[in-house]
């Protein structure tokens, strides 16, 4: 089946069901009340513990890597996946291949400076400041919460193949015009601007094409891929004029477009039929060849 369903029924009457749906089959379900030992505190439900776990362990060699790769390390960022890391880094305006320790140590210093300047900040004022200017770790909590709280609006359970609302929510991941690179684990990261000093060598950022993704359903209102920007502009101008001028200009445009393939084919034939140039033979050699050929034809066979 396309969707993997795991169901747990209670003994109540009527029974209640707890379902686990994993379309991409990345997850697993184990009965228990705790995370696996290799996972850190949850970015959503255990935010303070998550934040402390990151900032107190910045000496770990894990933070020698680029920040985009560290964000997928579930020991410190339990719950962050590929599309979430792209959205978090985009909103925080941090290059994905900046060194993780450099990013997080600066964040730690900013937090200490903030406390020194105004130690009397109330909890409500702290919350307000975080909402207005969230740092990277706060975004690791806030961005997943947006998805959780707006789950019904982003993904319709009755039409799970309709990703239009989720597509509109995304600001960076798979968004046309964004750049992408593969990290050292082979995962693709989307970003805007420069990739950062630890970007993989030998790779050039690729721009996400400004067209709908093949994973998404076709948009019936999207323009035909055959239409060029110039042709579309000419049609709009023609539509704003009188019917006679419109008919005349559209006809001229069609004739102009009809001429282009013929010119291209003519150039192609000339290129294909053109023979490669032969090496030039000196005149004295050509004469000696003709003389030798003539002697050969008139000479009697040797006995």
Foldseek 3Di string as FASTA:
>chain_A
DQWDWDWDWDPDVVIDIDIDTDNPPPDDDDDDDDDDPQAFDELAPPVVRLLCVCLVPLVDPLQQFFQLVSCPRRSRLPPDDQLLSQQLCQVQVHQRGARRSVQSVVVVVVVVVVCVVCVPDDPVNVVVVCVVRNHSSVSSHVVVVVCVVCVCVQAPPVCRQARVSVVVVRDWVLAAFWWWDADPVRDIHTYHDDNYDRGDPPDDTDGRHNDDDPSHDDDPPDDDPVDDPVNVVQQVVLVVDDPVSSVVSVVVVVVVVVVVVVVVVVVVVVVVPDDDDDDDDDPVVVVVVVVVVVCVVPDDDDD
